[in-house]
Amino acid sequence: MTRREAGSGRLAVLAATFVVSFVAAALASSRVLPSRVFGAVSRTSTLPVYAGGPLAKLPSAFVIPRLVPLSDPTADTRWAPVLRATVARRQPSFKAAPVGRVPARTPDGTTNIVVAEREAYENGTTWVRVGLAVLPNGTEGWVPRSSLGGWSFVDTRLVIDRARLTATLFRAGRVVFRAPVGIGAPGTPTPAGQFYVRDRLSGFSSPFYGPLAFGTNARSPTLTDWPGGGVVGIHGTDQPGLIPGQISHGCVRLTDAAILKLGRLMPVGTPVTIE
């Protein structure tokens, strides 16, 4: 055997040894690790649960037998636009007595929205209990979930204190805005209750409303400053020297500087407490 042949033989042996070692290592690494490493579920344990049912029994993503309620634990309030005009009913049933109409548009020409209080599933239909923009204030009713769009979430809350004549905005429980306000005069009071911001308007031809206004679902049985009448709004003013005070026909007035600042902080759907 020549030196060249001997060298070639040694290289072949080394290569074969390397291949065998590599295959052995790969086989060893492919072994299933003990269940204690992965925390594997034993065959006798129960399946994890999601949305009220075992994962193994969940329907296809393209089969939706009913709407699943959504939630956001970081937010306080959820609202949705009204896609189709509907009737709110006293109970979650098409046979229940009506308590009011829920239009798709507000009197201001904006998309109507509703704030959800809770949900119910009855006879194949998901229902949502919402606050209505009707008298008496505080009226609620059930509407089909299918008449509403997707949920939006807010973590803000506006408090109008009629005794102290202040407006205070909270975000996630923390005060982020406070300003003096004008409220309704004794003959046209600002109503107390739990309401929400229904729309946002600007570009008024009259400086009476200031640069910005918010419409709410609160209603006055007498008169308000709102163009369509009846709506309790939150808006600016061209008479800032009257604030604070009982000066309006029921709406809540802020100085123009204050309403603009509030407009940067308060989204539509924000709950409004008037106390």
Protein backbone atom coordinates (compact mmCIF):
# COMPACT_ATOMS: atom_id res chain seq x y z
CA MET A 1 0.00 0.00 0.00
CA THR A 2 1.33 3.39 -0.94
CA ARG A 3 1.47 6.37 1.41
CA ARG A 4 -1.22 8.11 -0.62
CA GLU A 5 -3.57 5.09 -0.28
CA ALA A 6 -2.93 4.86 3.49
CA GLY A 7 -3.70 8.55 3.92
CA SER A 8 -6.93 8.21 1.98
CA GLY A 9 -7.96 5.28 4.16
CA ARG A 10 -7.41 7.23 7.37
CA LEU A 11 -9.50 10.15 6.03
CA ALA A 12 -12.35 7.79 5.15
CA VAL A 13 -12.31 6.30 8.68
CA LEU A 14 -12.39 9.77 10.28
CA ALA A 15 -15.26 10.87 8.03
CA ALA A 16 -17.30 7.77 8.85
CA THR A 17 -16.68 8.27 12.56
CA PHE A 18 -17.89 11.91 12.30
CA VAL A 19 -21.08 10.92 10.47
CA VAL A 20 -21.94 8.23 13.02
CA SER A 21 -21.39 10.66 15.91
CA PHE A 22 -23.54 13.33 14.25
CA VAL A 23 -26.45 10.90 13.64
CA ALA A 24 -26.28 9.62 17.21
CA ALA A 25 -26.39 13.15 18.60
CA ALA A 26 -29.39 14.04 16.41
CA LEU A 27 -31.28 10.95 17.55
CA ALA A 28 -30.52 11.75 21.17
CA SER A 29 -31.73 15.32 20.84
CA SER A 30 -35.02 14.19 19.22
CA ARG A 31 -36.10 12.19 22.26
CA VAL A 32 -39.17 13.53 24.03
CA LEU A 33 -38.16 15.32 27.21
CA PRO A 34 -39.87 14.38 30.46
CA SER A 35 -43.30 15.90 30.98
CA ARG A 36 -42.05 17.79 34.01
CA VAL A 37 -39.99 19.99 31.64
CA PHE A 38 -42.96 21.07 29.51
CA GLY A 39 -45.67 20.61 32.09
CA ALA A 40 -47.52 18.33 29.67
CA VAL A 41 -51.19 17.61 30.31
CA SER A 42 -51.88 14.01 31.19
CA ARG A 43 -54.51 12.05 29.27
CA THR A 44 -56.78 12.02 32.28
CA SER A 45 -56.74 15.80 32.86
CA THR A 46 -59.49 18.11 31.61
CA LEU A 47 -59.08 20.20 28.48
CA PRO A 48 -58.46 23.95 28.82
CA VAL A 49 -61.57 26.06 28.55
CA TYR A 50 -62.12 29.16 26.38
CA ALA A 51 -65.29 31.23 26.04
CA GLY A 52 -67.25 28.73 28.07
CA GLY A 53 -66.39 25.54 26.11
CA PRO A 54 -63.55 23.00 25.80
CA LEU A 55 -61.02 23.76 23.08
CA ALA A 56 -61.65 20.40 21.45
CA LYS A 57 -65.30 21.37 20.92
CA LEU A 58 -64.81 24.88 19.54
CA PRO A 59 -66.45 25.38 16.12
CA SER A 60 -64.57 26.32 12.99
CA ALA A 61 -63.47 29.94 12.75
CA PHE A 62 -65.84 30.28 9.79
CA VAL A 63 -68.86 28.93 11.66
CA ILE A 64 -70.32 31.50 14.08
CA PRO A 65 -73.48 30.10 15.71
CA ARG A 66 -73.74 33.16 17.97
CA LEU A 67 -71.77 36.28 18.81
CA VAL A 68 -69.34 35.90 21.71
CA PRO A 69 -69.35 38.90 24.09
CA LEU A 70 -66.11 40.85 24.02
CA SER A 71 -64.51 42.54 26.98
CA ASP A 72 -61.46 44.58 27.83
CA PRO A 73 -60.44 44.36 31.50
CA THR A 74 -58.41 47.57 31.23
CA ALA A 75 -61.39 49.70 30.17
CA ASP A 76 -64.43 50.83 32.11
CA THR A 77 -66.93 51.37 29.31
CA ARG A 78 -67.66 49.92 25.89
CA TRP A 79 -69.73 51.44 23.12
CA ALA A 80 -70.73 50.61 19.57
CA PRO A 81 -72.13 52.51 16.57
CA VAL A 82 -75.69 51.81 15.50
CA LEU A 83 -75.50 50.19 12.06
CA ARG A 84 -79.24 49.85 11.50
CA ALA A 85 -82.15 51.65 13.13
CA THR A 86 -83.86 49.37 15.60
CA VAL A 87 -86.36 49.26 18.45
CA ALA A 88 -85.25 48.95 22.06
CA ARG A 89 -87.40 46.57 24.07
CA ARG A 90 -88.21 46.12 27.72
CA GLN A 91 -86.85 42.56 27.77
CA PRO A 92 -84.37 40.71 25.51
CA SER A 93 -87.10 39.37 23.23
CA PHE A 94 -88.70 40.44 19.94
CA LYS A 95 -92.06 39.91 21.66
CA ALA A 96 -91.29 42.33 24.51
CA ALA A 97 -92.87 45.78 24.66
CA PRO A 98 -90.90 48.57 22.93
CA VAL A 99 -89.44 51.36 25.08
CA GLY A 100 -88.02 53.57 22.33
CA ARG A 101 -86.49 53.78 18.89
CA VAL A 102 -82.73 53.71 18.33
CA PRO A 103 -81.91 55.53 15.07
CA ALA A 104 -78.74 55.06 13.07
CA ARG A 105 -78.16 58.84 12.96
CA THR A 106 -78.37 61.51 15.63
CA PRO A 107 -80.36 64.74 15.15
CA ASP A 108 -76.96 66.36 14.45
CA GLY A 109 -76.41 64.08 11.45
CA THR A 110 -73.64 62.04 13.09
CA THR A 111 -73.50 58.27 13.51
CA ASN A 112 -75.49 57.30 16.58
CA ILE A 113 -73.70 55.29 19.26
CA VAL A 114 -74.88 53.38 22.33
CA VAL A 115 -73.07 52.39 25.51
CA ALA A 116 -73.50 48.78 26.57
CA GLU A 117 -74.65 47.94 30.07
CA ARG A 118 -74.80 44.16 29.75
CA GLU A 119 -75.65 41.32 27.34
CA ALA A 120 -78.05 38.39 27.19
CA TYR A 121 -78.53 35.45 24.84
CA GLU A 122 -82.15 34.44 24.28
CA ASN A 123 -83.67 32.12 21.67
CA GLY A 124 -80.74 32.31 19.29
CA THR A 125 -80.27 36.09 19.50
CA THR A 126 -77.65 38.08 21.42
CA TRP A 127 -79.13 41.21 23.02
CA VAL A 128 -77.42 44.28 24.48
CA ARG A 129 -78.92 46.52 27.15
CA VAL A 130 -78.20 50.17 26.32
CA GLY A 131 -79.04 53.65 27.55
CA LEU A 132 -81.46 55.59 25.32
CA ALA A 133 -81.58 59.24 24.31
CA VAL A 134 -85.21 59.69 25.33
CA LEU A 135 -87.28 61.03 28.19
CA PRO A 136 -87.45 60.16 30.96
CA ASN A 137 -83.68 60.28 31.39
CA GLY A 138 -82.17 56.99 32.46
CA THR A 139 -84.42 54.91 30.21
CA GLU A 140 -82.74 51.69 29.06
CA GLY A 141 -83.75 48.97 26.63
CA TRP A 142 -82.57 45.82 24.89
CA VAL A 143 -81.45 45.90 21.24
CA PRO A 144 -80.23 43.05 19.00
CA ARG A 145 -76.45 42.85 18.90
CA SER A 146 -76.67 42.46 15.13
CA SER A 147 -77.90 46.06 14.81
CA LEU A 148 -74.62 47.37 16.27
CA GLY A 149 -71.06 47.61 15.00
CA GLY A 150 -67.87 46.56 16.73
CA TRP A 151 -67.01 47.52 20.29
CA SER A 152 -64.78 50.44 21.23
CA PHE A 153 -63.46 50.92 24.77
CA VAL A 154 -62.86 54.03 26.88
CA ASP A 155 -61.39 54.43 30.35
CA THR A 156 -62.50 58.05 30.84
CA ARG A 157 -65.37 59.48 32.90
CA LEU A 158 -66.63 63.06 33.14
CA VAL A 159 -68.27 64.33 36.34
CA ILE A 160 -70.32 67.55 36.32
CA ASP A 161 -70.74 68.84 39.88
CA ARG A 162 -73.68 71.25 39.86
CA ALA A 163 -73.09 72.37 43.43
CA ARG A 164 -69.41 73.22 42.91
CA LEU A 165 -69.93 74.28 39.27
CA THR A 166 -67.03 72.15 38.04
CA ALA A 167 -66.31 69.58 35.35
CA THR A 168 -63.75 66.89 36.21
CA LEU A 169 -62.43 64.30 33.77
CA PHE A 170 -60.99 61.04 35.07
CA ARG A 171 -58.82 58.65 33.09
CA ALA A 172 -58.32 55.24 34.63
CA GLY A 173 -59.46 56.75 37.94
CA ARG A 174 -56.99 59.64 37.84
CA VAL A 175 -57.98 63.30 37.46
CA VAL A 176 -56.64 64.67 34.15
CA PHE A 177 -58.84 67.75 33.74
CA ARG A 178 -60.86 70.13 35.89
CA ALA A 179 -62.52 73.44 34.98
CA PRO A 180 -65.35 75.72 36.14
CA VAL A 181 -68.63 75.44 34.23
CA GLY A 182 -71.93 77.14 33.64
CA ILE A 183 -75.03 75.01 34.12
CA GLY A 184 -78.77 75.41 33.67
CA ALA A 185 -80.65 78.27 35.26
CA PRO A 186 -83.30 77.39 37.90
CA GLY A 187 -86.10 77.46 35.30
CA THR A 188 -84.16 75.28 32.82
CA PRO A 189 -81.98 73.06 35.00
CA THR A 190 -79.27 70.69 33.87
CA PRO A 191 -80.68 67.21 34.64
CA ALA A 192 -78.89 64.85 37.02
CA GLY A 193 -78.13 61.27 36.09
CA GLN A 194 -75.81 58.86 34.28
CA PHE A 195 -75.27 59.68 30.60
CA TYR A 196 -72.59 59.41 27.91
CA VAL A 197 -70.96 61.48 25.17
CA ARG A 198 -72.87 60.70 22.00
CA ASP A 199 -71.11 62.85 19.41
CA ARG A 200 -68.58 65.62 18.83
CA LEU A 201 -69.23 68.72 16.73
CA SER A 202 -67.26 71.74 15.54
CA GLY A 203 -67.41 74.43 12.87
CA PHE A 204 -70.48 76.26 14.17
CA SER A 205 -71.56 79.34 12.25
CA SER A 206 -72.38 81.08 15.55
CA PRO A 207 -69.73 81.81 18.22
CA PHE A 208 -72.39 81.04 20.85
CA TYR A 209 -71.24 77.39 21.04
CA GLY A 210 -67.54 78.14 20.94
CA PRO A 211 -65.11 76.08 18.86
CA LEU A 212 -66.24 72.65 20.04
CA ALA A 213 -69.29 70.87 21.44
CA PHE A 214 -70.18 67.42 22.69
CA GLY A 215 -73.69 66.03 22.44
CA THR A 216 -74.90 63.63 25.14
CA ASN A 217 -77.87 61.30 25.44
CA ALA A 218 -79.25 63.46 28.28
CA ARG A 219 -82.53 65.24 27.56
CA SER A 220 -84.18 68.29 29.07
CA PRO A 221 -87.98 68.32 29.51
CA THR A 222 -87.99 72.11 29.06
CA LEU A 223 -85.38 73.71 26.82
CA THR A 224 -81.65 73.61 26.08
CA ASP A 225 -79.12 75.65 24.14
CA TRP A 226 -78.79 72.87 21.56
CA PRO A 227 -79.76 73.75 17.96
CA GLY A 228 -82.30 70.93 17.73
CA GLY A 229 -83.58 71.55 21.24
CA GLY A 230 -83.86 69.06 24.09
CA VAL A 231 -80.29 67.74 23.94
CA VAL A 232 -78.06 68.50 26.91
CA GLY A 233 -74.72 69.41 25.35
CA ILE A 234 -71.29 70.36 26.65
CA HIS A 235 -69.84 73.26 24.68
CA GLY A 236 -67.82 76.48 24.64
CA THR A 237 -69.20 79.99 24.87
CA ASP A 238 -68.79 83.55 23.61
CA GLN A 239 -69.56 84.86 27.12
CA PRO A 240 -66.76 83.44 29.31
CA GLY A 241 -67.33 86.11 31.95
CA LEU A 242 -70.56 84.34 33.00
CA ILE A 243 -68.68 81.19 34.05
CA PRO A 244 -69.09 79.77 36.64
CA GLY A 245 -72.81 80.18 37.25
CA GLN A 246 -76.35 79.02 36.55
CA ILE A 247 -76.53 80.64 33.15
CA SER A 248 -77.72 78.20 30.48
CA HIS A 249 -80.92 76.61 29.23
CA GLY A 250 -79.67 73.23 30.46
CA CYS A 251 -76.41 72.67 28.60
CA VAL A 252 -73.01 72.69 30.31
CA ARG A 253 -70.80 75.60 29.20
CA LEU A 254 -67.02 75.89 29.46
CA THR A 255 -64.66 78.62 28.33
CA ASP A 256 -63.30 78.10 24.83
CA ALA A 257 -59.82 77.30 26.16
CA ALA A 258 -61.27 74.72 28.55
CA ILE A 259 -63.48 73.00 25.95
CA LEU A 260 -60.55 72.72 23.56
CA LYS A 261 -58.41 71.11 26.25
CA LEU A 262 -61.26 68.77 27.15
CA GLY A 263 -61.59 67.90 23.49
CA ARG A 264 -58.01 66.64 23.44
CA LEU A 265 -58.67 64.35 26.40
CA MET A 266 -62.25 63.10 26.17
CA PRO A 267 -63.32 60.61 23.46
CA VAL A 268 -66.82 59.87 22.27
CA GLY A 269 -68.44 57.16 24.41
CA THR A 270 -67.17 58.66 27.67
CA PRO A 271 -69.68 58.22 30.54
CA VAL A 272 -70.97 61.49 32.02
CA THR A 273 -72.18 61.76 35.60
CA ILE A 274 -74.20 64.90 36.40
CA GLU A 275 -74.68 65.24 40.13
